[in-house]
Protein backbone atom coordinates (compact mmCIF):
# COMPACT_ATOMS: atom_id res chain seq x y z
CA UNK A 1 10.67 101.95 70.88
CA UNK A 2 11.96 99.93 67.95
CA UNK A 3 15.50 99.20 66.83
CA UNK A 4 17.36 99.99 63.63
CA UNK A 5 20.56 98.06 62.89
CA UNK A 6 22.68 99.23 59.96
CA UNK A 7 25.18 96.71 58.54
CA UNK A 8 28.16 97.75 56.46
CA UNK A 9 31.65 96.60 55.59
CA UNK A 10 34.14 96.35 52.78
CA UNK A 11 32.69 94.88 49.59
CA UNK A 12 32.67 91.08 49.56
CA UNK A 13 32.88 90.46 53.31
CA UNK A 14 29.38 88.99 53.57
CA UNK A 15 27.48 91.84 55.19
CA UNK A 16 24.24 90.98 53.38
CA UNK A 17 24.33 87.42 54.75
CA UNK A 18 25.03 88.68 58.26
CA UNK A 19 22.22 91.26 58.04
CA UNK A 20 19.84 88.58 56.71
CA UNK A 21 20.75 86.25 59.59
CA UNK A 22 19.86 89.00 62.08
CA UNK A 23 16.52 89.57 60.40
CA UNK A 24 15.84 85.83 60.48
CA UNK A 25 16.84 85.62 64.16
CA UNK A 26 14.57 88.55 65.01
CA UNK A 27 11.58 87.04 63.22
CA UNK A 28 12.15 83.70 65.02
CA UNK A 29 11.83 85.65 68.28
CA UNK A 30 8.35 86.67 67.15
CA UNK A 31 9.32 90.26 66.40
CA UNK A 32 7.88 91.73 63.24
CA UNK A 33 11.05 92.52 61.31
CA UNK A 34 11.86 94.34 58.08
CA UNK A 35 15.11 93.68 56.22
CA UNK A 36 15.90 96.64 53.95
CA UNK A 37 18.56 96.88 51.23
CA UNK A 38 19.82 100.36 50.33
CA UNK A 39 22.67 99.01 48.21
CA UNK A 40 21.88 99.66 44.55
CA UNK A 41 23.39 96.22 43.82
CA UNK A 42 20.63 94.51 45.80
CA UNK A 43 21.43 91.00 47.03
CA UNK A 44 18.55 90.25 49.40
CA UNK A 45 16.41 88.70 46.69
CA UNK A 46 19.35 86.49 45.66
CA UNK A 47 19.99 85.28 49.21
CA UNK A 48 16.33 84.54 49.91
CA UNK A 49 15.86 83.22 46.36
CA UNK A 50 12.63 85.12 45.82
CA UNK A 51 11.55 88.05 43.69
CA UNK A 52 10.88 91.11 45.84
CA UNK A 53 9.89 93.93 43.49
CA UNK A 54 9.55 97.56 44.58
CA UNK A 55 7.24 97.09 47.57
CA UNK A 56 7.64 95.32 50.90
CA UNK A 57 7.24 91.55 50.57
CA UNK A 58 6.65 88.91 53.23
CA UNK A 59 9.30 86.16 53.11
CA UNK A 60 8.34 84.18 56.23
CA UNK A 61 6.22 84.70 59.35
CA UNK A 62 7.22 88.06 60.90
CA UNK A 63 9.92 88.57 58.25
CA UNK A 64 9.51 91.18 55.52
CA UNK A 65 11.91 92.33 52.79
CA UNK A 66 12.37 95.59 50.90
CA UNK A 67 14.89 96.51 48.21
CA UNK A 68 14.61 100.28 47.98
CA UNK A 69 14.36 101.81 44.52
CA UNK A 70 15.04 105.52 45.16
CA UNK A 71 13.33 106.64 41.96
CA UNK A 72 10.19 104.70 42.83
CA UNK A 73 10.27 105.99 46.43
CA UNK A 74 10.76 109.56 45.23
CA UNK A 75 7.82 109.31 42.83
CA UNK A 76 5.40 107.54 45.16
CA UNK A 77 6.25 108.63 48.71
CA UNK A 78 7.79 112.09 48.65
CA UNK A 79 6.09 114.17 45.99
CA UNK A 80 5.82 117.17 48.34
CA UNK A 81 9.52 117.02 49.16
CA UNK A 82 10.55 116.64 45.53
CA UNK A 83 8.60 119.81 44.73
CA UNK A 84 10.36 121.58 47.59
CA UNK A 85 13.75 120.44 46.31
CA UNK A 86 13.06 121.69 42.81
CA UNK A 87 11.97 125.08 44.16
CA UNK A 88 14.97 125.13 46.47
CA UNK A 89 17.41 124.78 43.62
CA UNK A 90 15.42 126.66 40.97
CA UNK A 91 17.58 129.75 41.56
CA UNK A 92 20.56 127.83 40.16
CA UNK A 93 18.85 127.30 36.82
CA UNK A 94 18.89 123.51 37.29
CA UNK A 95 16.03 121.54 35.76
CA UNK A 96 13.82 119.34 37.93
CA UNK A 97 15.54 116.23 36.57
CA UNK A 98 19.01 117.67 37.26
CA UNK A 99 18.03 118.63 40.81
CA UNK A 100 16.72 115.18 41.71
CA UNK A 101 19.71 113.41 40.15
CA UNK A 102 22.23 115.35 42.27
CA UNK A 103 24.74 113.15 44.15
CA UNK A 104 23.27 112.06 47.45
CA UNK A 105 19.60 112.38 46.52
CA UNK A 106 19.08 108.63 46.08
CA UNK A 107 20.59 107.99 49.48
CA UNK A 108 18.54 110.76 51.08
CA UNK A 109 15.20 109.42 49.87
CA UNK A 110 16.19 105.89 50.91
CA UNK A 111 16.85 107.16 54.44
CA UNK A 112 13.62 109.16 54.49
CA UNK A 113 11.75 106.00 53.50
CA UNK A 114 13.34 104.09 56.38
CA UNK A 115 12.45 106.90 58.80
CA UNK A 116 8.83 106.90 57.69
CA UNK A 117 8.66 103.10 58.09
CA UNK A 118 10.17 103.38 61.57
CA UNK A 119 7.72 106.09 62.60
CA UNK A 120 4.80 104.00 61.38
CA UNK A 121 5.64 101.58 64.24
CA UNK A 122 4.53 98.69 62.04
CA UNK A 123 7.85 96.87 62.54
CA UNK A 124 9.59 96.23 65.83
CA UNK A 125 13.01 95.92 64.22
CA UNK A 126 14.46 97.26 60.98
CA UNK A 127 17.66 95.68 59.66
CA UNK A 128 19.46 97.71 56.97
CA UNK A 129 21.89 96.15 54.50
CA UNK A 130 24.01 99.02 53.23
CA UNK A 131 26.54 99.50 50.44
CA UNK A 132 30.30 99.11 51.13
CA UNK A 133 31.67 101.34 53.88
CA UNK A 134 32.70 104.42 51.89
CA UNK A 135 29.28 104.64 50.28
CA UNK A 136 27.57 103.96 53.61
CA UNK A 137 29.30 106.91 55.23
CA UNK A 138 28.28 109.18 52.34
CA UNK A 139 24.76 107.73 52.72
CA UNK A 140 24.55 108.47 56.46
CA UNK A 141 26.18 111.91 56.48
CA UNK A 142 24.24 113.45 53.57
CA UNK A 143 21.25 114.67 55.66
CA UNK A 144 23.62 116.58 57.95
CA UNK A 145 25.55 118.00 55.00
CA UNK A 146 22.39 119.16 53.23
CA UNK A 147 21.04 120.71 56.45
CA UNK A 148 24.31 122.59 56.85
CA UNK A 149 24.03 124.05 53.34
CA UNK A 150 20.39 124.99 53.90
CA UNK A 151 21.30 126.88 57.06
CA UNK A 152 24.00 128.78 55.21
CA UNK A 153 22.09 129.75 52.08
CA UNK A 154 18.36 129.71 52.80
CA UNK A 155 16.04 131.54 55.24
CA UNK A 156 15.39 128.79 57.75
CA UNK A 157 16.41 130.94 60.71
CA UNK A 158 13.31 130.51 62.82
CA UNK A 159 13.70 126.73 62.77
CA UNK A 160 17.49 126.64 62.59
CA UNK A 161 18.14 126.72 66.32
CA UNK A 162 20.91 124.30 67.26
CA UNK A 163 18.44 121.75 68.53
CA UNK A 164 20.91 118.91 67.96
CA UNK A 165 23.43 120.44 70.33
CA UNK A 166 23.39 119.29 73.95
CA UNK A 167 24.73 122.70 74.99
CA UNK A 168 21.87 124.55 73.35
CA UNK A 169 19.31 122.10 74.69
CA UNK A 170 20.50 122.94 78.18
CA UNK A 171 20.56 126.70 77.61
CA UNK A 172 17.58 127.38 75.33
CA UNK A 173 13.92 126.40 75.36
CA UNK A 174 13.20 125.80 71.69
CA UNK A 175 9.64 126.46 70.57
CA UNK A 176 9.15 125.57 66.93
CA UNK A 177 6.55 127.20 64.70
CA UNK A 178 3.47 125.25 63.70
CA UNK A 179 3.43 123.30 60.47
CA UNK A 180 1.10 125.78 58.76
CA UNK A 181 3.42 128.66 59.64
CA UNK A 182 6.41 127.04 57.94
CA UNK A 183 7.30 127.10 54.28
CA UNK A 184 7.82 123.84 52.39
CA UNK A 185 11.59 124.44 52.55
CA UNK A 186 11.42 124.87 56.33
CA UNK A 187 9.35 121.71 56.65
CA UNK A 188 11.93 119.88 54.56
CA UNK A 189 14.66 121.23 56.81
CA UNK A 190 12.84 119.98 59.91
CA UNK A 191 12.44 116.54 58.30
CA UNK A 192 16.21 116.44 57.76
CA UNK A 193 16.77 117.41 61.39
CA UNK A 194 14.42 114.62 62.46
CA UNK A 195 16.32 112.18 60.27
CA UNK A 196 19.64 113.17 61.84
CA UNK A 197 18.20 112.74 65.32
CA UNK A 198 16.95 109.26 64.46
CA UNK A 199 20.28 108.18 62.94
CA UNK A 200 22.16 109.43 66.02
CA UNK A 201 19.72 108.19 68.66
CA UNK A 202 21.87 105.60 70.42
CA UNK A 203 18.84 103.94 72.00
CA UNK A 204 17.44 103.19 68.54
CA UNK A 205 20.08 103.16 65.80
CA UNK A 206 23.32 101.19 65.74
CA UNK A 207 25.91 100.65 63.03
CA UNK A 208 27.41 97.15 62.88
CA UNK A 209 30.69 96.49 61.03
CA UNK A 210 31.28 93.26 59.13
CA UNK A 211 34.83 92.25 58.21
CA UNK A 212 37.14 89.32 57.49
CA UNK A 213 40.48 88.55 59.20
CA UNK A 214 42.65 89.89 56.36
CA UNK A 215 45.08 92.82 56.47
CA UNK A 216 43.39 95.14 53.98
CA UNK A 217 39.94 94.47 55.41
CA UNK A 218 41.14 95.00 58.98
CA UNK A 219 42.71 98.36 58.11
CA UNK A 220 39.59 99.55 56.29
CA UNK A 221 37.43 98.43 59.20
CA UNK A 222 39.48 100.51 61.64
CA UNK A 223 39.25 103.55 59.36
CA UNK A 224 35.50 103.07 58.99
CA UNK A 225 35.10 102.99 62.75
CA UNK A 226 37.07 106.22 63.05
CA UNK A 227 34.98 107.98 60.40
CA UNK A 228 31.71 106.76 61.93
CA UNK A 229 32.83 108.29 65.21
CA UNK A 230 33.79 111.54 63.47
CA UNK A 231 30.16 111.86 62.38
CA UNK A 232 28.87 110.71 65.79
CA UNK A 233 27.20 107.45 64.76
CA UNK A 234 26.97 104.67 67.33
CA UNK A 235 28.99 101.58 66.33
CA UNK A 236 28.22 98.75 68.75
CA UNK A 237 29.14 95.50 67.07
CA UNK A 238 31.90 93.85 65.01
CA UNK A 239 31.38 90.66 63.02
CA UNK A 240 34.46 88.69 61.93
CA UNK A 241 33.21 86.60 59.04
CA UNK A 242 34.56 83.56 57.15
CA UNK A 243 36.81 82.19 59.86
CA UNK A 244 38.46 78.93 58.80
CA UNK A 245 38.06 75.92 61.12
CA UNK A 246 41.26 75.04 62.94
CA UNK A 247 41.01 71.30 62.32
CA UNK A 248 41.79 71.28 58.60
CA UNK A 249 44.66 68.86 57.91
CA UNK A 250 46.21 70.74 55.04
CA UNK A 251 49.44 72.77 55.16
CA UNK A 252 48.10 75.41 52.76
CA UNK A 253 45.09 76.05 54.97
CA UNK A 254 47.20 75.85 58.12
CA UNK A 255 49.13 78.89 56.91
CA UNK A 256 45.89 80.76 56.29
CA UNK A 257 44.58 79.75 59.72
CA UNK A 258 47.68 81.25 61.35
CA UNK A 259 47.24 84.45 59.33
CA UNK A 260 43.58 84.67 60.34
CA UNK A 261 44.42 84.07 63.99
CA UNK A 262 46.82 87.02 63.93
CA UNK A 263 44.20 89.40 62.55
CA UNK A 264 41.42 88.04 64.77
CA UNK A 265 43.61 88.78 67.80
CA UNK A 266 44.31 92.28 66.46
CA UNK A 267 40.61 92.99 65.91
CA UNK A 268 39.65 91.72 69.37
CA UNK A 269 42.37 93.87 70.90
CA UNK A 270 41.60 97.13 69.11
CA UNK A 271 37.82 96.69 69.45
CA UNK A 272 37.99 95.65 73.10
CA UNK A 273 34.85 96.66 74.97
CA UNK A 274 32.64 96.17 71.91
CA UNK A 275 30.70 92.96 71.24
CA UNK A 276 32.70 90.89 68.71
CA UNK A 277 31.02 87.98 66.93
CA UNK A 278 32.80 85.12 65.15
CA UNK A 279 31.20 83.63 62.04
CA UNK A 280 32.72 80.47 60.52
CA UNK A 281 33.53 79.88 56.89
CA UNK A 282 30.77 77.52 55.79
CA UNK A 283 31.39 74.69 53.37
CA UNK A 284 28.44 75.54 51.08
CA UNK A 285 26.67 78.56 49.62
CA UNK A 286 24.25 79.97 52.15
CA UNK A 287 21.13 80.67 50.15
CA UNK A 288 17.47 80.47 51.06
CA UNK A 289 16.08 80.42 54.58
CA UNK A 290 17.93 77.20 55.40
CA UNK A 291 21.31 78.80 54.67
CA UNK A 292 20.43 81.96 56.58
CA UNK A 293 19.19 79.90 59.51
CA UNK A 294 22.53 78.09 59.55
CA UNK A 295 24.40 81.37 60.11
CA UNK A 296 21.95 82.20 62.87
CA UNK A 297 22.27 78.82 64.57
CA UNK A 298 26.07 78.60 64.43
CA UNK A 299 27.04 82.23 65.08
CA UNK A 300 24.19 84.19 66.68
CA UNK A 301 22.11 81.73 68.72
CA UNK A 302 22.11 82.39 72.46
CA UNK A 303 23.47 85.94 72.09
CA UNK A 304 21.56 89.12 72.87
CA UNK A 305 22.30 90.61 69.47
CA UNK A 306 19.58 93.28 69.63
CA UNK A 307 20.55 94.77 72.97
CA UNK A 308 21.41 98.45 73.18
CA UNK A 309 25.11 98.48 74.02
CA UNK A 310 26.66 101.47 75.69
CA UNK A 311 29.06 103.24 73.33
CA UNK A 312 31.35 106.18 73.82
CA UNK A 313 29.70 109.26 72.34
CA UNK A 314 31.56 110.43 69.27
CA UNK A 315 30.80 114.05 70.11
CA UNK A 316 29.88 115.75 73.37
CA UNK A 317 30.14 119.17 75.02
CA UNK A 318 31.15 119.96 78.56
CA UNK A 319 31.40 123.08 80.72
CA UNK A 320 34.78 124.29 81.96
CA UNK A 321 35.87 127.16 84.19
CA UNK A 322 36.91 129.17 81.12
CA UNK A 323 34.12 128.18 78.75
CA UNK A 324 33.32 124.86 77.06
CA UNK A 325 35.09 121.81 75.72
CA UNK A 326 34.04 119.75 72.70
CA UNK A 327 35.13 116.11 72.87
CA UNK A 328 35.33 114.22 69.57
CA UNK A 329 36.18 110.53 69.91
CA UNK A 330 38.48 109.52 67.03
CA UNK A 331 39.80 105.97 67.53
CA UNK A 332 42.77 105.02 65.34
CA UNK A 333 43.28 108.63 64.20
CA UNK A 334 46.87 109.86 64.05
CA UNK A 335 47.44 113.23 65.66
CA UNK A 336 49.29 114.56 62.62
CA UNK A 337 46.51 113.29 60.33
CA UNK A 338 43.81 115.52 61.78
CA UNK A 339 43.31 119.08 60.52
CA UNK A 340 41.31 121.44 62.70
CA UNK A 341 39.95 124.81 61.60
CA UNK A 342 37.39 127.27 62.87
CA UNK A 343 34.96 129.71 61.30
CA UNK A 344 32.51 132.03 63.03
CA UNK A 345 29.82 129.36 62.99
CA UNK A 346 31.59 126.01 62.60
CA UNK A 347 34.35 123.77 63.87
CA UNK A 348 35.88 122.04 60.84
CA UNK A 349 37.62 118.68 61.27
CA UNK A 350 39.29 116.95 58.35
CA UNK A 351 40.81 113.46 58.35
CA UNK A 352 42.07 112.18 55.03
CA UNK A 353 39.36 112.69 52.42
CA UNK A 354 36.61 113.18 54.99
CA UNK A 355 35.62 116.55 56.39
CA UNK A 356 32.93 117.45 58.88
CA UNK A 357 31.62 120.89 59.72
CA UNK A 358 30.27 120.84 63.28
CA UNK A 359 27.98 123.86 63.78
CA UNK A 360 28.77 125.83 66.91
CA UNK A 361 25.86 126.15 69.33
CA UNK A 362 24.76 129.76 69.74
CA UNK A 363 26.32 129.92 73.18
CA UNK A 364 29.75 129.31 71.58
CA UNK A 365 29.41 131.90 68.80
CA UNK A 366 31.09 134.55 70.94
CA UNK A 367 33.90 132.15 71.81
CA UNK A 368 36.91 130.88 69.92
CA UNK A 369 39.11 127.80 70.09
CA UNK A 370 41.76 128.41 72.71
CA UNK A 371 43.42 124.98 72.62
CA UNK A 372 43.16 121.50 71.12
CA UNK A 373 44.88 118.26 72.10
CA UNK A 374 44.62 114.48 71.78
CA UNK A 375 43.99 112.47 74.91
CA UNK A 376 43.13 108.76 74.88
CA UNK A 377 41.94 108.76 71.25
CA UNK A 378 39.79 111.82 71.89
CA UNK A 379 40.23 115.26 70.37
CA UNK A 380 39.62 117.86 73.08
CA UNK A 381 38.74 121.29 71.68
CA UNK A 382 38.54 124.04 74.30
CA UNK A 383 36.55 127.25 73.76
CA UNK A 384 36.92 130.47 75.71
CA UNK A 385 35.84 134.08 75.35
CA UNK A 386 37.44 135.92 72.45
CA UNK A 387 39.69 138.75 73.45
CA UNK A 388 38.53 142.20 72.50
């Protein structure tokens, strides 16, 4: 089983450099490694100081690079799916070009490309350099959002069992129809389900947050962690980048060192229990393999950076005497900042500008929310039989 590490953070914090250092470290261990950029403002070629193009390129022994061009991927790798999408939305009167330029499509095909590469088993590790955090969350949640809409508006019933739900897995034996028996839309739906399972497989996929010890960055990092948990992604690493050395004999820098120390302490406190890595502020630009190797040698060497770390599940169901309880881990969320609603088929959680519809497993369709409370940064939603 391979590993996928997804790096994100506020713009300008150095996530591309950190992702590149991990890819370098992995290749030095003799693991065939692919470093992928899904950020439309690709920086991998700049850091490695080579031209990459639209296909995978070898940069060093066991180290390969890819800057995904969604249009190129769409045209060359997913013709069948693009045809399915155009048929799917043909009822709206949208043209093929309008359908494939819908918000989220670029991100979807980038993720599908990564999934296909992972399933090929050609690479032991895939390191993903993502866009800044807000875009990364939109990138990661789009497959789930599109699947939700497909369930609501298209006839995918025979393959729309709640196979992602641990409750349903325990209660139902799901037997899926053969590929030939499914329509292209149903096959597309199953591919989206497979993509969600891969992104939320905690033995395979991890999200790593990169930040700097500054107030605005720290606050955004905490919010990002909360939102990643809302959507049930495993976050198992924090990288504090550009830490000033404490031996600078300059009053101006001494003030900045004290400021950084305060925010480093805050980050280590609020992310206690998660691996936290310190990366110094280097005195030169870190370009080429020598610069990337320097990050590796001074910040990552001797650490088991590819281990699967146990993380608290962002979403899990449990049985109670009265029915079931859904636990949603929401670190740093304020109780009065969370809106909770219910429909016949979904639990709807909204925090700020982010909303997630969590489909109810079939076993909960006859039940309703009887109570909800916060306990140790976890939203506990209790379901019991509806009266009448």
